[in-house]
Protein backbone atom coordinates (compact mmCIF):
# COMPACT_ATOMS: atom_id res chain seq x y z
CA MET A 1 -50.80 -124.06 -118.83
CA ARG A 2 -54.07 -121.92 -118.82
CA ASP A 3 -54.79 -122.92 -115.04
CA VAL A 4 -51.37 -121.51 -114.00
CA LEU A 5 -50.94 -118.66 -116.53
CA SER A 6 -52.09 -115.95 -114.18
CA ASP A 7 -49.20 -116.87 -111.47
CA LEU A 8 -46.81 -117.52 -114.15
CA PHE A 9 -47.18 -114.23 -115.85
CA THR A 10 -46.94 -112.31 -112.50
CA ILE A 11 -43.41 -114.21 -111.67
CA TRP A 12 -42.41 -113.39 -115.48
CA ARG A 13 -43.43 -109.75 -114.93
CA ALA A 14 -41.58 -109.36 -111.78
CA GLY A 15 -38.23 -110.54 -113.60
CA ASP A 16 -38.02 -113.80 -111.75
CA THR A 17 -37.74 -117.50 -112.82
CA ALA A 18 -40.31 -120.07 -112.38
CA GLY A 19 -40.12 -123.79 -112.97
CA LEU A 20 -43.01 -125.02 -115.27
CA GLY A 21 -43.95 -128.77 -115.60
CA THR A 22 -46.31 -129.49 -118.52
CA VAL A 23 -47.82 -132.85 -119.53
CA VAL A 24 -46.85 -133.24 -123.19
CA ALA A 25 -48.02 -136.89 -123.70
CA THR A 26 -50.14 -139.44 -122.09
CA PHE A 27 -50.37 -143.30 -122.29
CA ARG A 28 -53.00 -145.76 -121.06
CA SER A 29 -55.06 -144.36 -117.96
CA ALA A 30 -52.97 -141.24 -117.34
CA PRO A 31 -55.14 -138.97 -114.91
CA ARG A 32 -54.40 -135.58 -116.87
CA ASP A 33 -54.59 -134.60 -120.49
CA PRO A 34 -51.80 -133.02 -122.45
CA GLY A 35 -51.39 -129.22 -121.47
CA ALA A 36 -51.89 -129.68 -117.77
CA ALA A 37 -49.40 -127.86 -115.72
CA MET A 38 -47.86 -127.31 -112.53
CA LEU A 39 -45.82 -124.10 -111.60
CA VAL A 40 -43.16 -123.83 -108.83
CA ALA A 41 -42.67 -120.17 -108.00
CA PRO A 42 -39.50 -118.89 -106.65
CA ASP A 43 -40.78 -118.92 -103.00
CA GLY A 44 -41.58 -122.62 -103.38
CA THR A 45 -45.41 -122.09 -103.98
CA VAL A 46 -47.05 -124.66 -106.16
CA THR A 47 -49.97 -124.07 -108.40
CA GLY A 48 -51.68 -126.56 -110.69
CA SER A 49 -51.24 -130.22 -111.16
CA VAL A 50 -49.76 -132.60 -113.68
CA SER A 51 -51.07 -135.97 -112.23
CA GLY A 52 -53.59 -135.37 -109.49
CA GLY A 53 -50.95 -136.12 -106.75
CA CYS A 54 -49.29 -139.17 -108.11
CA VAL A 55 -45.84 -137.67 -109.18
CA GLU A 56 -46.35 -133.91 -108.02
CA GLY A 57 -43.54 -134.42 -105.55
CA ALA A 58 -40.84 -135.58 -108.09
CA VAL A 59 -41.94 -132.83 -110.68
CA TYR A 60 -41.61 -130.27 -107.73
CA GLU A 61 -38.02 -131.48 -107.30
CA LEU A 62 -37.25 -131.44 -110.85
CA ALA A 63 -38.61 -128.11 -111.40
CA SER A 64 -36.28 -126.66 -108.71
CA GLU A 65 -33.39 -128.20 -110.52
CA VAL A 66 -34.25 -126.90 -113.64
CA VAL A 67 -34.52 -123.46 -112.32
CA GLY A 68 -30.93 -123.79 -110.93
CA THR A 69 -29.54 -125.08 -114.04
CA GLY A 70 -31.53 -123.40 -116.70
CA LEU A 71 -31.79 -126.52 -118.56
CA PRO A 72 -35.23 -127.89 -119.38
CA VAL A 73 -35.83 -131.68 -119.01
CA LEU A 74 -38.34 -134.14 -120.58
CA GLU A 75 -39.28 -136.65 -117.97
CA ARG A 76 -41.37 -140.01 -118.37
CA TYR A 77 -43.38 -141.12 -115.23
CA GLY A 78 -44.91 -144.42 -115.05
CA VAL A 79 -45.66 -147.36 -112.65
CA SER A 80 -42.68 -148.87 -111.08
CA ASP A 81 -42.55 -152.68 -111.71
CA GLU A 82 -40.90 -153.19 -108.31
CA ASP A 83 -43.28 -150.79 -106.32
CA ALA A 84 -46.56 -149.65 -107.66
CA PHE A 85 -46.38 -146.90 -104.78
CA ALA A 86 -42.99 -145.58 -105.74
CA VAL A 87 -42.54 -142.31 -107.92
CA GLY A 88 -45.13 -143.13 -110.63
CA LEU A 89 -48.77 -143.55 -111.36
CA THR A 90 -50.60 -145.96 -109.31
CA CYS A 91 -53.47 -145.95 -111.87
CA GLY A 92 -51.11 -147.83 -114.33
CA GLY A 93 -50.62 -144.94 -116.72
CA VAL A 94 -47.69 -143.17 -118.20
CA LEU A 95 -46.98 -139.59 -118.77
CA ASP A 96 -44.54 -137.46 -120.39
CA VAL A 97 -43.65 -133.98 -118.46
CA PHE A 98 -41.57 -131.32 -120.02
CA VAL A 99 -40.07 -129.26 -117.17
CA GLU A 100 -38.48 -125.75 -117.97
CA PRO A 101 -37.56 -122.60 -116.54
CA ILE A 102 -39.85 -119.55 -117.64
CA SER A 103 -38.63 -115.96 -117.32
CA ARG A 104 -38.16 -113.01 -119.68
CA ASP A 105 -34.96 -114.63 -121.10
CA THR A 106 -36.44 -117.91 -121.92
CA PHE A 107 -39.82 -117.10 -123.18
CA PRO A 108 -39.97 -113.30 -124.12
CA ASP A 109 -43.37 -113.47 -125.86
CA LEU A 110 -44.91 -114.67 -122.78
CA GLU A 111 -46.80 -111.41 -122.37
CA ALA A 112 -48.19 -111.44 -125.93
CA VAL A 113 -49.63 -114.97 -125.19
CA VAL A 114 -51.44 -113.82 -122.25
CA VAL A 115 -52.93 -110.89 -123.80
CA ASP A 116 -54.34 -113.06 -126.53
CA ILE A 117 -55.81 -115.72 -124.33
CA GLY A 118 -57.34 -112.79 -122.13
CA GLU A 119 -58.81 -111.52 -125.14
CA ASN A 120 -60.22 -114.82 -126.40
CA ARG A 121 -57.89 -114.85 -129.46
CA PRO A 122 -56.82 -118.05 -130.60
CA VAL A 123 -53.06 -118.64 -130.02
CA ALA A 124 -50.84 -121.87 -129.57
CA VAL A 125 -47.36 -122.31 -128.04
CA ALA A 126 -44.89 -124.64 -129.85
CA THR A 127 -42.02 -125.85 -127.80
CA VAL A 128 -39.14 -128.03 -128.64
CA ILE A 129 -39.04 -130.99 -126.02
CA GLU A 130 -36.53 -133.19 -127.52
CA ASP A 131 -33.84 -132.60 -129.96
CA THR A 132 -31.67 -135.79 -130.35
CA ASP A 133 -30.26 -134.97 -133.83
CA ASN A 134 -28.82 -131.65 -132.49
CA GLU A 135 -26.85 -132.56 -129.34
CA ASP A 136 -25.10 -129.96 -127.11
CA THR A 137 -22.35 -130.98 -124.66
CA ASP A 138 -23.99 -128.23 -122.28
CA ASN A 139 -27.38 -129.32 -122.93
CA PRO A 140 -27.76 -133.16 -123.12
CA GLY A 141 -31.54 -132.86 -124.24
CA GLY A 142 -30.53 -130.77 -127.51
CA ALA A 143 -29.42 -127.18 -128.31
CA ARG A 144 -32.93 -126.18 -129.25
CA VAL A 145 -34.81 -127.68 -126.47
CA GLY A 146 -36.89 -125.08 -124.68
CA ARG A 147 -37.28 -122.80 -127.63
CA HIS A 148 -40.77 -121.41 -128.26
CA LEU A 149 -42.72 -120.41 -131.30
CA VAL A 150 -46.19 -118.76 -130.82
CA ILE A 151 -48.50 -119.44 -133.47
CA ARG A 152 -51.58 -117.27 -134.55
CA PRO A 153 -54.14 -118.11 -137.42
CA ASP A 154 -52.40 -115.24 -139.31
CA SER A 155 -48.92 -114.73 -137.93
CA ALA A 156 -46.29 -116.39 -135.84
CA SER A 157 -43.39 -114.96 -133.45
CA GLY A 158 -40.30 -116.60 -132.05
CA SER A 159 -38.23 -119.48 -133.46
CA LEU A 160 -37.51 -122.83 -132.85
CA GLY A 161 -34.13 -122.61 -134.84
CA SER A 162 -34.82 -122.59 -138.47
CA ALA A 163 -37.12 -121.09 -141.00
CA ARG A 164 -38.10 -124.45 -142.48
CA LEU A 165 -38.86 -125.86 -139.22
CA ASP A 166 -40.75 -122.61 -137.88
CA GLN A 167 -42.89 -122.86 -141.22
CA ALA A 168 -43.57 -126.61 -140.80
CA VAL A 169 -44.52 -126.40 -137.14
CA THR A 170 -46.46 -123.04 -137.81
CA ASP A 171 -48.63 -124.85 -140.56
CA ASP A 172 -49.18 -127.92 -138.42
CA GLY A 173 -49.80 -125.86 -135.26
CA ARG A 174 -52.65 -123.98 -137.08
CA GLY A 175 -54.35 -127.13 -137.91
CA LEU A 176 -54.06 -128.22 -134.23
CA LEU A 177 -55.28 -124.73 -133.20
CA ALA A 178 -58.37 -124.80 -135.43
CA ALA A 179 -59.27 -128.15 -133.66
CA GLY A 180 -58.68 -126.85 -130.27
CA ARG A 181 -56.35 -129.75 -129.79
CA SER A 182 -52.84 -130.14 -128.20
CA ALA A 183 -50.21 -132.79 -129.32
CA VAL A 184 -46.53 -133.56 -129.92
CA LEU A 185 -45.47 -133.43 -133.20
CA GLU A 186 -42.17 -135.16 -134.59
CA TYR A 187 -39.92 -133.81 -137.35
CA GLY A 188 -36.47 -134.37 -138.74
CA PRO A 189 -33.74 -131.87 -137.87
CA ASP A 190 -34.69 -129.19 -140.07
CA GLY A 191 -38.50 -129.73 -140.09
CA GLN A 192 -38.86 -132.59 -142.37
CA ARG A 193 -42.36 -134.06 -141.60
CA ARG A 194 -41.15 -137.70 -142.27
CA GLY A 195 -38.17 -137.33 -140.12
CA GLU A 196 -37.49 -138.02 -136.64
CA GLY A 197 -35.31 -136.83 -133.71
CA LEU A 198 -37.09 -133.58 -133.06
CA ARG A 199 -40.30 -133.36 -131.12
CA VAL A 200 -42.32 -130.46 -130.58
CA PHE A 201 -45.30 -129.97 -128.16
CA VAL A 202 -47.94 -127.59 -129.59
CA SER A 203 -50.30 -126.42 -126.75
CA SER A 204 -53.50 -124.85 -128.24
CA PHE A 205 -55.34 -121.97 -126.35
CA ALA A 206 -58.38 -121.67 -128.35
CA PRO A 207 -61.36 -119.51 -127.14
CA PRO A 208 -63.89 -121.59 -125.11
CA PRO A 209 -66.44 -123.58 -127.38
CA ARG A 210 -69.75 -122.13 -127.56
CA MET A 211 -73.06 -123.80 -126.42
CA LEU A 212 -76.19 -122.24 -127.99
CA VAL A 213 -79.28 -122.86 -125.86
CA PHE A 214 -82.47 -122.02 -127.68
CA GLY A 215 -85.68 -121.60 -125.51
CA ALA A 216 -85.60 -119.65 -122.36
CA ILE A 217 -87.57 -122.42 -120.21
CA ASP A 218 -86.50 -123.84 -116.80
CA PHE A 219 -84.62 -126.79 -118.45
CA ALA A 220 -82.59 -124.31 -120.46
CA ALA A 221 -81.41 -122.70 -117.16
CA ALA A 222 -80.27 -126.43 -116.01
CA VAL A 223 -78.59 -126.85 -119.38
CA ALA A 224 -76.83 -123.33 -119.24
CA ARG A 225 -75.49 -124.39 -115.73
CA GLN A 226 -74.17 -127.64 -117.11
CA GLY A 227 -72.75 -125.97 -120.22
CA ALA A 228 -70.88 -123.47 -118.12
CA PHE A 229 -69.45 -126.20 -115.61
CA LEU A 230 -68.00 -128.02 -118.67
CA GLY A 231 -66.29 -125.00 -119.81
CA TYR A 232 -68.53 -123.83 -122.69
CA ARG A 233 -69.28 -120.15 -123.42
CA VAL A 234 -73.09 -120.32 -122.96
CA THR A 235 -75.67 -118.10 -124.83
CA VAL A 236 -79.41 -118.60 -124.26
CA CYS A 237 -81.69 -117.24 -126.91
CA ASP A 238 -85.45 -116.63 -127.29
CA ALA A 239 -87.51 -114.49 -129.14
CA ARG A 240 -89.87 -113.82 -125.91
CA GLU A 241 -88.46 -110.74 -124.03
CA VAL A 242 -90.24 -111.57 -120.97
CA PHE A 243 -88.55 -115.05 -120.55
CA ALA A 244 -85.12 -114.18 -121.97
CA THR A 245 -83.65 -112.32 -119.00
CA ALA A 246 -80.20 -112.40 -117.23
CA SER A 247 -81.62 -112.94 -114.00
CA ARG A 248 -83.35 -116.09 -115.09
CA PHE A 249 -79.95 -117.50 -116.62
CA PRO A 250 -77.38 -116.17 -114.26
CA THR A 251 -74.55 -118.66 -115.39
CA ALA A 252 -75.04 -117.90 -119.12
CA ASP A 253 -72.35 -115.58 -120.63
CA GLU A 254 -75.19 -113.77 -122.60
CA VAL A 255 -78.84 -113.84 -123.13
CA VAL A 256 -80.25 -112.80 -126.31
CA VAL A 257 -83.83 -111.65 -127.30
CA ASP A 258 -84.12 -112.80 -130.80
CA TRP A 259 -85.72 -115.10 -133.19
CA PRO A 260 -83.54 -118.36 -132.84
CA HIS A 261 -83.36 -118.85 -136.73
CA ARG A 262 -82.27 -115.29 -137.36
CA TYR A 263 -79.72 -115.18 -134.57
CA LEU A 264 -78.14 -118.47 -135.51
CA ALA A 265 -77.88 -117.40 -139.11
CA ALA A 266 -76.33 -114.11 -138.21
CA GLN A 267 -73.59 -115.96 -135.97
CA ALA A 268 -72.77 -118.28 -138.77
CA GLN A 269 -72.60 -115.52 -141.35
CA ALA A 270 -70.19 -113.70 -138.64
CA GLY A 271 -67.94 -116.70 -138.54
CA ALA A 272 -68.80 -117.34 -134.69
CA ILE A 273 -69.80 -121.03 -135.22
CA ASP A 274 -67.36 -123.87 -135.70
CA GLY A 275 -66.78 -127.56 -135.16
CA ARG A 276 -66.74 -127.40 -131.39
CA THR A 277 -70.17 -125.42 -131.23
CA VAL A 278 -73.09 -127.20 -129.52
CA ILE A 279 -76.58 -126.34 -130.26
CA CYS A 280 -79.29 -127.35 -127.98
CA VAL A 281 -83.09 -126.57 -129.01
CA LEU A 282 -85.27 -126.87 -125.97
CA THR A 283 -88.56 -124.98 -127.23
CA HIS A 284 -90.20 -128.04 -128.65
CA ASP A 285 -92.51 -125.48 -130.43
CA PRO A 286 -92.60 -125.94 -134.45
CA LYS A 287 -92.66 -122.19 -135.19
CA PHE A 288 -89.33 -121.99 -133.43
CA ASP A 289 -87.87 -125.29 -133.80
CA VAL A 290 -88.40 -125.88 -137.59
CA PRO A 291 -86.94 -122.67 -138.91
CA LEU A 292 -83.95 -122.84 -136.49
CA LEU A 293 -83.25 -126.49 -137.40
CA GLU A 294 -83.46 -125.65 -141.04
CA VAL A 295 -80.22 -123.44 -140.38
CA ALA A 296 -78.49 -125.51 -137.87
CA LEU A 297 -78.70 -128.74 -139.92
CA ARG A 298 -77.33 -127.06 -143.16
CA LEU A 299 -74.29 -125.43 -141.30
CA PRO A 300 -71.23 -127.07 -142.60
CA ASP A 301 -69.33 -127.04 -139.34
CA VAL A 302 -70.94 -127.51 -135.98
CA GLY A 303 -70.16 -130.00 -133.27
CA PHE A 304 -73.52 -130.99 -132.04
CA VAL A 305 -77.24 -130.36 -132.84
CA GLY A 306 -79.87 -131.55 -130.46
CA ALA A 307 -83.51 -130.82 -129.92
CA MET A 308 -85.79 -131.65 -127.04
CA GLY A 309 -89.09 -133.31 -127.27
CA SER A 310 -91.21 -136.56 -127.12
CA GLU A 311 -90.94 -139.25 -129.73
CA ARG A 312 -94.13 -138.02 -131.31
CA THR A 313 -92.83 -134.30 -131.25
CA HIS A 314 -89.51 -135.62 -132.78
CA LEU A 315 -91.56 -137.49 -135.77
CA ASP A 316 -93.76 -134.50 -136.30
CA ARG A 317 -90.55 -132.22 -136.40
CA LEU A 318 -88.87 -134.58 -138.95
CA THR A 319 -91.90 -134.57 -141.25
CA ARG A 320 -91.87 -130.71 -141.28
CA LEU A 321 -88.16 -130.45 -141.82
CA ARG A 322 -88.58 -132.87 -144.79
CA GLU A 323 -91.33 -130.76 -146.10
CA ALA A 324 -88.93 -127.65 -145.81
CA GLY A 325 -86.35 -129.54 -148.02
CA LEU A 326 -83.87 -131.20 -145.66
CA THR A 327 -82.17 -134.29 -146.94
CA ASP A 328 -81.76 -137.43 -144.94
CA GLU A 329 -78.04 -136.77 -144.64
CA GLU A 330 -78.88 -133.46 -143.04
CA LEU A 331 -81.48 -134.84 -140.74
CA SER A 332 -78.80 -137.60 -139.51
CA ARG A 333 -77.00 -134.90 -137.90
CA LEU A 334 -79.95 -134.20 -135.65
CA SER A 335 -79.81 -135.71 -131.95
CA SER A 336 -83.59 -135.92 -131.17
CA PRO A 337 -84.77 -136.48 -128.37
CA ILE A 338 -81.65 -135.02 -126.95
CA GLY A 339 -79.95 -136.80 -124.16
CA LEU A 340 -79.05 -140.17 -123.02
CA ASP A 341 -81.32 -142.50 -121.24
CA LEU A 342 -80.61 -141.97 -117.75
CA GLY A 343 -84.32 -142.03 -116.47
CA ALA A 344 -84.07 -138.15 -115.96
CA ARG A 345 -87.27 -136.39 -114.66
CA THR A 346 -86.34 -132.93 -113.29
CA PRO A 347 -84.65 -130.11 -115.27
CA GLU A 348 -81.41 -130.79 -113.49
CA GLU A 349 -81.36 -134.55 -114.27
CA THR A 350 -82.46 -133.82 -117.94
CA ALA A 351 -79.44 -131.33 -118.24
CA VAL A 352 -77.06 -134.07 -117.07
CA SER A 353 -78.44 -136.35 -119.56
CA ILE A 354 -77.88 -133.84 -122.52
CA ALA A 355 -74.47 -132.99 -121.19
CA ALA A 356 -73.60 -136.75 -121.22
CA GLU A 357 -74.63 -137.17 -124.67
CA ILE A 358 -72.67 -134.03 -125.72
CA ILE A 359 -69.46 -135.65 -124.03
CA ALA A 360 -70.02 -138.93 -125.45
CA ARG A 361 -70.47 -137.54 -129.00
CA ARG A 362 -67.33 -135.42 -128.59
CA TRP A 363 -64.94 -138.08 -127.48
CA GLY A 364 -66.62 -141.17 -129.12
CA GLY A 365 -68.00 -142.73 -125.94
CA GLY A 366 -70.84 -145.18 -126.04
CA GLY A 367 -72.62 -144.14 -122.76
CA ARG A 368 -72.36 -147.55 -121.38
CA PRO A 369 -71.47 -148.23 -117.71
CA LEU A 370 -67.52 -148.27 -117.38
CA ARG A 371 -67.80 -151.55 -115.42
CA ASP A 372 -69.00 -153.11 -118.79
CA LEU A 373 -66.02 -152.09 -120.64
CA HIS A 374 -62.40 -153.50 -121.22
CA GLY A 375 -59.34 -151.75 -122.02
CA ARG A 376 -58.85 -148.28 -122.31
CA ILE A 377 -61.41 -145.93 -120.57
CA HIS A 378 -60.50 -142.77 -122.35
CA HIS A 379 -61.30 -142.53 -125.99
CA ASP A 380 -59.17 -140.56 -128.68
CA GLN A 381 -60.81 -137.61 -129.97
CA PRO A 382 -62.68 -138.37 -133.04
CA GLU A 383 -61.35 -137.01 -136.32
């Protein structure tokens, strides 16, 4: 929903109703991930996408109907056995799309969600998408379908229908929010975790993950560009003021002049490092690298730690880190030399190889050509 949020809020603030289609679950080779959304404005304008073009027309029609009836609908789209070019996904995938009317009446807490997201505060929206154990003659999908619960790390607002259900979804939603994941959860009619019949989609809006690039060199500028392109909030840090300037790193969100190890330790102390944080050490200078990696590799929760350098530099670095007291388990977290073997030579090519390794590590990819693989292309997120 993030991509359509601005337009959605404009409609909501004007007192109008929009039709919102959200991908809540995917199977096989579906083109969009859960959370992808398409908005249909009162004037028929469309923003966003749920499938990259395969089923947008059908979702558009359904969104228009939903705005008219006021009743949300959960619809499944997949390949047609009779005609692969009928309403469905020619890629062979299947996706569940929840289409709902959004207005001040149906989602009174939307403004608070918009403010949280705009200020980079973590927030999740839980929505009942199916309620087979609580049928309503006026709403075939269930009486609670379309209700929202807004979940924050330390509070919640709204309700899905009962205090027990709200508590169960809040607890589970906070776990998803901490991991930056969106998912469908299934419960019994009153929030029983081993029950079934009630499905809730939790859409997480965690702040962008961080990429910390240490070493204000040409390679760092290229890595910062890749990081920004991938959606990271990029920080470039170097102790040398003459090199660490905003003009040299225009795509970085911030450029910090500080000793790398001191800056990283302060960020960890402030709680600004989490399991999605990526650390790229590009200085390949022992007086910077070793103290920095001592801190980085001892952090209990960080997504990726990689360091640039030749194999000789890597071996020397390992020796120095062992002398500093790091264990083999801690050293095993270090990706060095950083990047996948793409034959890269230029800073830009090297940045692509680094980005490729980060993506592979995040999603469990092997870095092999897709033509050599069989079965699913997309990997499940590693636990």
